[in-house]
Amino acid sequence: MFILIENLDVLRLGYRVMRCYGTSYHLPCIFLKHLPIPVLYMDLKPNFQILFSNRSARLFLGYENASLGSLSLQELTPQYGRLLEILKLKKKHVEVLKFPLEFLHKEGYPLASEVMIISSGNCEERILLYIWDIRRLRKREKRFRQKLQRTEKVSQAKSIFVSLVSHEFRTPMASIRAASDLLKNYWERFSQEECKEYLRQIGSNIFQMSRMMDDILLLGRIQNGRLRFETSLIDPLELCHEAIQFVQVYGEKSRIVMVVSENLPSKCSIDPSLFRYVLINLLSNALKYSPQTEKVILTLCCDQDFLVLEVKDKGIGIPEKDRGKIFHLFHRGENVGSIKGIGVGMFMVKYCVSLHKGSIAFKPNAGAGTTFRVKLPAACQAKGG
């Protein structure tokens, strides 16, 4: 492992001192006393007996107010055996060795470090052991690895997302082209009802592509921090009618039943574009995942200063194992089958609701389907106010 040596000139000077005064004691101690890095001066013969330790070493090992003179290196590192093996491999004259070595703090916890050993001759003589505390480096390295893993996950998710979106766009475009070619070349052979069905298919696929494009653009604004939250006084009933009209491409108007409470206010303070997105997403999902013969019920009411809407369907429902992930990005239920989607709608619905400081919840219906309930603080204004 690479070691950053900040006081290289000082270490070289210490090495020269050791070369000149190999078995001497006092001069190296005077020189090493005030070094900012931990240093141990040891005799190899009696099991690495510590002859001298500077204040930095005592602070590092937890012996600030005690001497290390009665200790040996064997008592300070659980990797003493490894140190012996390294030195045995260096039987020839070796002046400098560098390698990782773990020490034990006085309190018993491990201290990750890198050491450099400088000897004045062979392994039977006294040595200097310089210590670099790499705990912060390890923490930074760990954070870097975690960040790298998150980056890799995001990159992988983006790759999957691009592939998924490409596939989801390709399918409706192929369907639109096929239906339009049939109408263009053989329209006189089809009955009026057959022509309407082909046009309905074209409209449905265009709507599907438009919804996916809206999802992608909104997701990009969220991830770039450019999604603005701006409230204004609007008529919630009017927005509901607009949303219903927008999603009618999936079927006849009779499929959506709207229930409005008597206490519904004429004006509410909400973000109209985000509220419209929530409505369209919940309604289109309810229609998409329900049989063509089943109705979707939209309920709108006021609870004190909260605007409450519910969307109830009798569709395929949400499997129990998917309920905890329904608002996760790119997640789709295991029971969706061939129903198209890219798994971003519910994530962004919850995000839009959270910008309002509101809440969203869902529950399975008795028999089949799901009911989603959104509650938004909206400073509701009573009728005639």
Protein backbone atom coordinates (compact mmCIF):
# COMPACT_ATOMS: atom_id res chain seq x y z
CA MET A 1 0.00 0.00 0.00
CA PHE A 2 1.29 3.48 -0.84
CA ILE A 3 2.42 5.58 2.12
CA LEU A 4 2.41 9.36 2.02
CA ILE A 5 5.59 10.48 3.80
CA GLU A 6 5.29 14.17 4.64
CA ASN A 7 8.57 14.55 6.63
CA LEU A 8 10.78 12.57 4.31
CA ASP A 9 13.86 14.74 4.94
CA VAL A 10 13.44 14.32 8.68
CA LEU A 11 13.18 10.55 8.31
CA ARG A 12 16.27 10.45 6.15
CA LEU A 13 18.13 12.47 8.79
CA GLY A 14 16.94 10.03 11.45
CA TYR A 15 18.19 7.19 9.30
CA ARG A 16 21.60 8.82 8.99
CA VAL A 17 21.71 9.31 12.76
CA MET A 18 20.96 5.62 13.24
CA ARG A 19 23.64 4.66 10.74
CA CYS A 20 26.19 6.70 12.65
CA TYR A 21 25.13 5.78 16.18
CA GLY A 22 23.65 2.31 15.64
CA THR A 23 23.83 0.94 19.18
CA SER A 24 24.03 4.31 20.87
CA TYR A 25 20.95 5.45 22.71
CA HIS A 26 20.90 9.08 23.81
CA LEU A 27 21.45 10.96 20.56
CA PRO A 28 18.64 9.19 18.63
CA CYS A 29 16.29 9.82 21.55
CA ILE A 30 17.06 13.52 21.61
CA PHE A 31 16.51 13.71 17.86
CA LEU A 32 13.24 11.72 17.87
CA LYS A 33 11.63 13.22 20.95
CA HIS A 34 9.75 16.00 19.19
CA LEU A 35 8.87 14.30 15.91
CA PRO A 36 5.15 14.77 15.08
CA ILE A 37 4.73 11.14 14.04
CA PRO A 38 4.81 8.15 16.43
CA VAL A 39 8.27 6.57 16.71
CA LEU A 40 9.44 3.51 18.64
CA TYR A 41 13.13 2.74 19.22
CA MET A 42 13.60 -0.96 19.96
CA ASP A 43 16.14 -3.69 20.53
CA LEU A 44 15.38 -6.79 18.44
CA LYS A 45 17.08 -9.39 20.64
CA PRO A 46 14.84 -9.41 23.73
CA ASN A 47 11.56 -9.71 21.79
CA PHE A 48 11.53 -6.16 20.46
CA GLN A 49 12.04 -4.48 23.81
CA ILE A 50 11.05 -0.81 23.60
CA LEU A 51 13.94 1.42 24.58
CA PHE A 52 12.32 4.72 23.72
CA SER A 53 8.97 6.06 22.55
CA ASN A 54 8.20 9.67 21.70
CA ARG A 55 5.09 11.50 22.92
CA SER A 56 3.28 11.01 19.60
CA ALA A 57 3.66 7.23 19.97
CA ARG A 58 2.36 7.26 23.53
CA LEU A 59 -0.65 9.35 22.51
CA PHE A 60 -1.35 7.04 19.58
CA LEU A 61 -1.24 3.91 21.78
CA GLY A 62 -3.12 5.43 24.74
CA TYR A 63 -0.15 5.64 27.16
CA GLU A 64 0.07 9.43 27.38
CA ASN A 65 0.82 9.42 31.12
CA ALA A 66 2.70 6.12 31.22
CA SER A 67 5.95 4.76 29.94
CA LEU A 68 6.29 2.08 27.28
CA GLY A 69 9.72 1.10 28.55
CA SER A 70 8.44 -1.99 30.36
CA LEU A 71 6.60 -3.26 27.30
CA SER A 72 7.70 -5.13 24.22
CA LEU A 73 6.30 -4.82 20.74
CA GLN A 74 4.72 -8.26 21.20
CA GLU A 75 2.36 -6.72 23.77
CA LEU A 76 1.37 -3.84 21.49
CA THR A 77 0.43 -5.62 18.27
CA PRO A 78 -1.58 -8.77 17.58
CA GLN A 79 0.44 -9.12 14.36
CA TYR A 80 3.75 -9.69 16.10
CA GLY A 81 4.14 -13.06 14.38
CA ARG A 82 3.66 -11.45 10.99
CA LEU A 83 6.33 -8.89 11.81
CA LEU A 84 8.77 -11.68 12.64
CA GLU A 85 7.99 -13.44 9.36
CA ILE A 86 8.64 -10.27 7.39
CA LEU A 87 11.97 -9.72 9.08
CA LYS A 88 13.01 -13.34 8.58
CA LEU A 89 12.36 -13.00 4.87
CA LYS A 90 14.80 -10.10 4.85
CA LYS A 91 17.84 -12.01 6.03
CA LYS A 92 20.20 -9.90 4.00
CA HIS A 93 21.20 -6.36 4.87
CA VAL A 94 17.99 -4.30 4.65
CA GLU A 95 17.90 -0.66 5.59
CA VAL A 96 14.19 0.20 5.14
CA LEU A 97 11.01 -1.89 5.27
CA LYS A 98 7.43 -0.63 4.79
CA PHE A 99 4.24 -2.63 5.43
CA PRO A 100 0.81 -2.41 7.19
CA LEU A 101 0.74 -3.33 10.87
CA GLU A 102 -2.14 -3.21 13.35
CA PHE A 103 -1.53 -2.02 16.93
CA LEU A 104 -3.69 -2.35 20.03
CA HIS A 105 -4.75 0.72 21.97
CA LYS A 106 -4.40 0.60 25.74
CA GLU A 107 -8.21 0.28 25.91
CA GLY A 108 -8.07 -2.79 23.69
CA TYR A 109 -9.41 -1.56 20.33
CA PRO A 110 -7.39 -1.97 17.11
CA LEU A 111 -5.39 0.84 15.52
CA ALA A 112 -4.89 0.56 11.78
CA SER A 113 -1.48 1.86 10.73
CA GLU A 114 1.36 1.69 8.27
CA VAL A 115 4.91 1.30 9.59
CA MET A 116 8.37 1.89 8.23
CA ILE A 117 11.31 0.16 9.90
CA ILE A 118 14.78 1.65 9.59
CA SER A 119 17.66 -0.49 10.77
CA SER A 120 21.33 0.30 11.20
CA GLY A 121 22.47 -3.11 10.06
CA ASN A 122 21.01 -6.61 10.23
CA CYS A 123 17.97 -7.82 12.18
CA GLU A 124 19.94 -8.37 15.39
CA GLU A 125 20.46 -4.67 15.97
CA ARG A 126 18.29 -1.87 17.20
CA ILE A 127 15.71 -0.40 14.90
CA LEU A 128 13.52 2.66 14.48
CA LEU A 129 9.84 2.05 13.77
CA TYR A 130 7.91 5.00 12.29
CA ILE A 131 4.10 4.73 12.53
CA TRP A 132 1.46 6.38 10.33
CA ASP A 133 -2.08 6.44 11.73
CA ILE A 134 -4.26 5.47 8.75
CA ARG A 135 -7.62 5.24 10.52
CA ARG A 136 -8.84 8.44 8.89
CA LEU A 137 -7.48 7.22 5.59
CA ARG A 138 -9.40 3.95 6.06
CA LYS A 139 -12.57 5.88 6.86
CA ARG A 140 -12.12 8.07 3.77
CA GLU A 141 -11.38 4.97 1.74
CA LYS A 142 -14.54 3.32 3.09
CA ARG A 143 -16.64 6.39 2.28
CA PHE A 144 -15.08 6.52 -1.17
CA ARG A 145 -15.91 2.84 -1.78
CA GLN A 146 -19.48 3.40 -0.61
CA LYS A 147 -19.79 6.44 -2.86
CA LEU A 148 -18.32 4.45 -5.73
CA GLN A 149 -20.81 1.65 -5.11
CA ARG A 150 -23.69 4.13 -5.07
CA THR A 151 -22.38 5.68 -8.28
CA GLU A 152 -22.14 2.25 -9.88
CA LYS A 153 -25.69 1.44 -8.78
CA VAL A 154 -26.96 4.74 -10.18
CA SER A 155 -25.07 4.13 -13.42
CA GLN A 156 -26.49 0.62 -13.65
CA ALA A 157 -29.99 1.90 -12.88
CA LYS A 158 -29.65 4.57 -15.56
CA SER A 159 -28.49 1.96 -18.07
CA ILE A 160 -31.45 -0.28 -17.23
CA PHE A 161 -33.74 2.74 -17.37
CA VAL A 162 -32.52 3.80 -20.82
CA SER A 163 -32.90 0.23 -22.09
CA LEU A 164 -36.37 -0.05 -20.57
CA VAL A 165 -37.55 3.29 -21.94
CA SER A 166 -36.19 2.46 -25.38
CA HIS A 167 -38.12 -0.81 -25.35
CA GLU A 168 -41.29 0.80 -23.99
CA PHE A 169 -41.19 3.49 -26.69
CA ARG A 170 -40.43 1.05 -29.46
CA THR A 171 -43.53 -1.09 -28.77
CA PRO A 172 -46.23 1.63 -28.99
CA MET A 173 -44.47 3.23 -31.96
CA ALA A 174 -44.57 -0.09 -33.81
CA SER A 175 -48.26 -0.45 -32.94
CA ILE A 176 -49.01 3.10 -34.15
CA ARG A 177 -47.20 2.49 -37.41
CA ALA A 178 -48.99 -0.82 -38.02
CA ALA A 179 -52.44 0.65 -37.32
CA SER A 180 -51.82 3.78 -39.40
CA ASP A 181 -50.49 1.71 -42.34
CA LEU A 182 -53.60 -0.45 -42.26
CA LEU A 183 -55.87 2.59 -42.24
CA LYS A 184 -53.85 4.29 -44.96
CA ASN A 185 -53.75 1.34 -47.36
CA TYR A 186 -56.97 -0.58 -46.60
CA TRP A 187 -59.36 1.86 -44.94
CA GLU A 188 -62.09 1.17 -47.52
CA ARG A 189 -62.11 -2.51 -46.50
CA PHE A 190 -62.81 -1.79 -42.84
CA SER A 191 -66.13 -1.05 -41.24
CA GLN A 192 -66.66 2.17 -39.32
CA GLU A 193 -66.34 0.30 -36.00
CA GLU A 194 -63.04 -1.30 -37.09
CA CYS A 195 -61.66 2.09 -38.10
CA LYS A 196 -62.66 3.52 -34.71
CA GLU A 197 -60.89 0.65 -32.98
CA TYR A 198 -57.67 1.26 -34.91
CA LEU A 199 -57.90 4.97 -34.12
CA ARG A 200 -58.49 4.12 -30.46
CA GLN A 201 -55.36 1.96 -30.49
CA ILE A 202 -53.35 4.79 -32.04
CA GLY A 203 -54.68 7.26 -29.47
CA SER A 204 -53.98 4.85 -26.60
CA ASN A 205 -50.38 4.33 -27.72
CA ILE A 206 -49.82 8.05 -28.19
CA PHE A 207 -51.17 8.64 -24.69
CA GLN A 208 -48.85 5.94 -23.34
CA MET A 209 -45.82 7.54 -24.98
CA SER A 210 -46.89 10.99 -23.78
CA ARG A 211 -47.20 9.71 -20.19
CA MET A 212 -43.77 8.10 -20.33
CA MET A 213 -42.25 11.31 -21.71
CA ASP A 214 -43.91 13.33 -18.93
CA ASP A 215 -42.53 10.88 -16.36
CA ILE A 216 -39.01 11.10 -17.81
CA LEU A 217 -39.04 14.92 -17.93
CA LEU A 218 -40.42 15.21 -14.39
CA LEU A 219 -37.90 12.68 -13.08
CA GLY A 220 -35.09 14.68 -14.68
CA ARG A 221 -36.31 17.86 -13.01
CA ILE A 222 -36.48 16.09 -9.64
CA GLN A 223 -32.96 14.65 -9.93
CA ASN A 224 -31.54 17.99 -11.07
CA GLY A 225 -33.30 19.87 -8.26
CA ARG A 226 -35.23 22.01 -10.73
CA LEU A 227 -38.77 20.98 -9.79
CA ARG A 228 -40.49 24.07 -8.42
CA PHE A 229 -43.31 24.03 -5.91
CA GLU A 230 -45.60 27.02 -6.42
CA THR A 231 -49.08 27.10 -4.90
CA SER A 232 -52.01 29.12 -6.14
CA LEU A 233 -55.75 29.26 -5.48
CA ILE A 234 -57.39 26.87 -7.95
CA ASP A 235 -60.68 25.04 -8.34
CA PRO A 236 -59.95 21.36 -7.50
CA LEU A 237 -63.12 20.18 -9.23
CA GLU A 238 -62.07 21.79 -12.49
CA LEU A 239 -58.64 20.11 -12.28
CA CYS A 240 -60.33 16.75 -11.71
CA HIS A 241 -62.49 17.19 -14.82
CA GLU A 242 -59.37 18.08 -16.86
CA ALA A 243 -57.54 14.99 -15.58
CA ILE A 244 -60.50 12.72 -16.36
CA GLN A 245 -60.75 14.11 -19.86
CA PHE A 246 -56.99 13.64 -20.35
CA VAL A 247 -57.02 9.93 -19.44
CA GLN A 248 -60.16 9.01 -21.38
CA VAL A 249 -58.06 7.59 -24.19
CA TYR A 250 -58.02 4.34 -22.21
CA GLY A 251 -61.78 3.90 -22.54
CA GLU A 252 -65.19 5.49 -22.42
CA LYS A 253 -66.05 8.27 -20.00
CA SER A 254 -68.39 5.95 -18.16
CA ARG A 255 -65.39 4.08 -16.77
CA ILE A 256 -64.61 6.90 -14.31
CA VAL A 257 -67.23 7.76 -11.71
CA MET A 258 -66.65 10.98 -9.82
CA VAL A 259 -68.04 11.44 -6.32
CA VAL A 260 -67.88 14.98 -4.90
CA SER A 261 -68.75 15.82 -1.29
CA GLU A 262 -70.98 18.75 -0.44
CA ASN A 263 -68.25 20.41 1.60
CA LEU A 264 -65.80 20.56 -1.28
CA PRO A 265 -64.36 24.10 -1.36
CA SER A 266 -64.48 26.30 -4.42
CA LYS A 267 -60.77 27.14 -4.11
CA CYS A 268 -57.73 25.40 -2.64
CA SER A 269 -54.13 26.54 -2.26
CA ILE A 270 -52.11 23.83 -4.03
CA ASP A 271 -49.62 23.51 -6.87
CA PRO A 272 -51.88 22.95 -9.91
CA SER A 273 -49.30 21.22 -12.13
CA LEU A 274 -48.17 18.78 -9.43
CA PHE A 275 -51.76 18.09 -8.34
CA ARG A 276 -52.70 17.46 -11.96
CA TYR A 277 -49.78 15.00 -12.27
CA VAL A 278 -50.91 13.12 -9.14
CA LEU A 279 -54.47 12.89 -10.46
CA ILE A 280 -53.50 11.77 -13.95
CA ASN A 281 -51.06 9.17 -12.67
CA LEU A 282 -53.46 7.62 -10.16
CA LEU A 283 -56.38 7.60 -12.61
CA SER A 284 -54.38 6.23 -15.55
CA ASN A 285 -52.89 3.49 -13.36
CA ALA A 286 -56.34 2.55 -12.06
CA LEU A 287 -57.67 2.31 -15.63
CA LYS A 288 -54.60 0.54 -16.97
CA TYR A 289 -54.52 -2.18 -14.32
CA SER A 290 -58.30 -2.77 -14.29
CA PRO A 291 -60.45 -4.80 -16.70
CA GLN A 292 -62.16 -2.75 -19.42
CA THR A 293 -65.54 -3.59 -17.88
CA GLU A 294 -64.72 -2.21 -14.42
CA LYS A 295 -65.25 1.35 -13.26
CA VAL A 296 -62.82 3.58 -11.40
CA ILE A 297 -64.23 5.76 -8.61
CA LEU A 298 -62.68 9.18 -7.91
CA THR A 299 -63.81 10.75 -4.62
CA LEU A 300 -63.06 14.35 -3.75
CA CYS A 301 -63.78 15.98 -0.39
CA CYS A 302 -62.48 18.41 2.22
CA ASP A 303 -61.37 17.53 5.73
CA GLN A 304 -60.97 20.82 7.61
CA ASP A 305 -58.03 22.49 5.81
CA PHE A 306 -57.06 19.33 3.93
CA LEU A 307 -58.06 18.40 0.39
CA VAL A 308 -58.64 14.64 0.21
CA LEU A 309 -58.93 12.55 -2.92
CA GLU A 310 -59.37 8.81 -3.30
CA VAL A 311 -59.00 6.66 -6.39
CA LYS A 312 -60.59 3.23 -6.11
CA ASP A 313 -60.31 0.47 -8.70
CA LYS A 314 -61.08 -3.23 -9.07
CA GLY A 315 -57.90 -4.13 -10.86
CA ILE A 316 -55.10 -6.62 -10.32
CA GLY A 317 -54.19 -5.20 -6.91
CA ILE A 318 -50.76 -4.98 -5.29
CA PRO A 319 -49.15 -8.24 -4.10
CA GLU A 320 -48.25 -8.22 -0.42
CA LYS A 321 -44.51 -8.61 -1.11
CA ASP A 322 -44.56 -5.49 -3.34
CA ARG A 323 -46.46 -3.18 -0.98
CA GLY A 324 -43.35 -1.96 0.80
CA LYS A 325 -41.71 -1.03 -2.52
CA ILE A 326 -44.64 0.48 -4.40
CA PHE A 327 -43.16 4.00 -4.13
CA HIS A 328 -39.60 2.92 -4.99
CA LEU A 329 -38.04 4.19 -8.20
CA PHE A 330 -38.15 1.69 -11.12
CA HIS A 331 -40.13 -0.86 -9.07
CA ARG A 332 -43.07 -2.66 -10.64
CA GLY A 333 -45.27 -5.34 -9.11
CA GLU A 334 -44.60 -8.96 -9.96
CA ASN A 335 -48.18 -9.33 -11.25
CA VAL A 336 -48.11 -6.61 -13.95
CA GLY A 337 -47.44 -9.17 -16.69
CA SER A 338 -47.31 -7.56 -20.13
CA ILE A 339 -48.88 -4.27 -19.00
CA LYS A 340 -46.54 -1.49 -20.11
CA GLY A 341 -44.74 0.83 -17.69
CA ILE A 342 -41.30 1.96 -16.52
CA GLY A 343 -41.82 2.07 -12.74
CA VAL A 344 -41.36 5.78 -12.03
CA GLY A 345 -44.94 7.10 -11.73
CA MET A 346 -45.67 6.19 -8.10
CA PHE A 347 -42.24 7.38 -6.98
CA MET A 348 -42.96 10.81 -8.41
CA VAL A 349 -46.55 10.86 -7.13
CA LYS A 350 -45.22 10.45 -3.59
CA TYR A 351 -42.57 13.12 -4.27
CA CYS A 352 -45.23 15.57 -5.46
CA VAL A 353 -47.35 14.83 -2.40
CA SER A 354 -44.35 15.30 -0.10
CA LEU A 355 -43.70 18.75 -1.62
CA HIS A 356 -47.21 19.66 -0.46
CA LYS A 357 -46.30 18.24 2.97
CA GLY A 358 -49.19 15.86 2.48
CA SER A 359 -49.60 12.10 2.77
CA ILE A 360 -50.43 9.21 0.47
CA ALA A 361 -51.55 5.74 1.50
CA PHE A 362 -53.19 2.73 -0.11
CA LYS A 363 -55.15 -0.30 0.97
CA PRO A 364 -56.39 -3.42 -0.82
CA ASN A 365 -60.10 -3.52 -1.53
CA ALA A 366 -62.30 -6.37 -0.46
CA GLY A 367 -62.45 -8.75 -3.41
CA ALA A 368 -60.07 -7.03 -5.82
CA GLY A 369 -58.31 -3.80 -6.57
CA THR A 370 -56.75 -0.99 -4.56
CA THR A 371 -57.74 2.37 -3.09
CA PHE A 372 -55.20 5.19 -3.01
CA ARG A 373 -55.85 8.10 -0.61
CA VAL A 374 -54.07 11.45 -0.91
CA LYS A 375 -54.39 14.13 1.75
CA LEU A 376 -52.99 17.60 1.07
CA PRO A 377 -52.93 20.68 3.32
CA ALA A 378 -54.62 23.15 1.01
CA ALA A 379 -55.98 26.13 2.99
CA CYS A 380 -59.42 25.32 1.61
CA GLN A 381 -61.68 28.27 0.89
CA ALA A 382 -65.37 27.64 1.47
CA LYS A 383 -67.91 28.19 -1.27
CA GLY A 384 -68.99 31.76 -1.54
CA GLY A 385 -65.84 32.87 0.33
